[in-house]
Amino acid sequence: MSKRPTPKKRRAKSTGNTQYSVYVQKQQKRLTDVQASPYAVIAPPKNGEEKALKGITKIKA
């Protein structure tokens, strides 16, 4: 008869939460650094004119 595999230990919930919070902190730092960069530019809105025209339903004469 073959041996049963040894049961693996479960990760504590707090370990996963800590890992995720560290990831979020790194992302926040990265994004703020990108925004503060001298090479950062404000992105022009895509199809801004078309959306404005779609919003008009009545034209008063």
Protein backbone atom coordinates (compact mmCIF):
# COMPACT_ATOMS: atom_id res chain seq x y z
CA MET A 1 0.00 0.00 0.00
CA SER A 2 1.30 3.45 -0.85
CA LYS A 3 1.85 6.11 1.76
CA ARG A 4 -0.56 8.97 2.18
CA PRO A 5 0.84 12.41 1.35
CA THR A 6 1.73 14.54 4.33
CA PRO A 7 -0.88 17.19 5.04
CA LYS A 8 0.26 20.69 4.13
CA LYS A 9 -0.05 23.53 6.60
CA ARG A 10 -2.61 26.19 5.77
CA ARG A 11 -1.49 29.77 5.46
CA ALA A 12 -2.79 32.07 8.14
CA LYS A 13 -5.28 34.68 6.95
CA SER A 14 -3.14 37.42 8.46
CA THR A 15 -0.21 36.40 6.22
CA GLY A 16 -2.28 36.86 3.06
CA ASN A 17 -3.70 40.16 4.32
CA THR A 18 -0.22 41.46 5.13
CA GLN A 19 1.10 40.45 1.73
CA TYR A 20 -1.80 42.23 -0.01
CA SER A 21 -1.40 45.41 2.06
CA VAL A 22 2.31 45.56 1.20
CA TYR A 23 1.41 45.19 -2.49
CA VAL A 24 -1.16 48.02 -2.24
CA GLN A 25 1.36 50.28 -0.50
CA LYS A 26 3.92 49.66 -3.26
CA GLN A 27 1.33 50.44 -5.95
CA GLN A 28 0.29 53.67 -4.23
CA LYS A 29 3.94 54.75 -3.95
CA ARG A 30 4.58 53.88 -7.60
CA LEU A 31 1.54 55.79 -8.84
CA THR A 32 2.28 58.89 -6.75
CA ASP A 33 5.89 58.83 -7.97
CA VAL A 34 4.68 58.60 -11.58
CA GLN A 35 2.32 61.54 -11.04
CA ALA A 36 5.07 63.61 -9.43
CA SER A 37 7.49 62.87 -12.27
CA PRO A 38 8.52 65.88 -14.39
CA TYR A 39 7.74 63.79 -17.46
CA ALA A 40 4.15 63.14 -16.38
CA VAL A 41 1.59 64.83 -18.64
CA ILE A 42 -2.14 65.18 -18.26
CA ALA A 43 -3.74 62.77 -20.69
CA PRO A 44 -6.18 64.42 -23.11
CA PRO A 45 -9.73 63.04 -22.84
CA LYS A 46 -10.59 60.46 -25.47
CA ASN A 47 -13.54 61.38 -27.72
CA GLY A 48 -14.48 64.30 -25.50
CA GLU A 49 -16.32 66.14 -28.28
CA GLU A 50 -18.41 63.14 -29.30
CA LYS A 51 -19.53 62.49 -25.73
CA ALA A 52 -20.52 66.14 -25.30
CA LEU A 53 -22.63 65.98 -28.45
CA LYS A 54 -24.32 62.76 -27.31
CA GLY A 55 -25.37 64.50 -24.11
CA ILE A 56 -27.37 67.12 -26.04
CA THR A 57 -30.96 65.93 -26.51
CA LYS A 58 -32.78 69.19 -27.33
CA ILE A 59 -31.70 72.18 -29.35
CA LYS A 60 -33.65 75.31 -28.51
CA ALA A 61 -34.16 77.65 -31.44
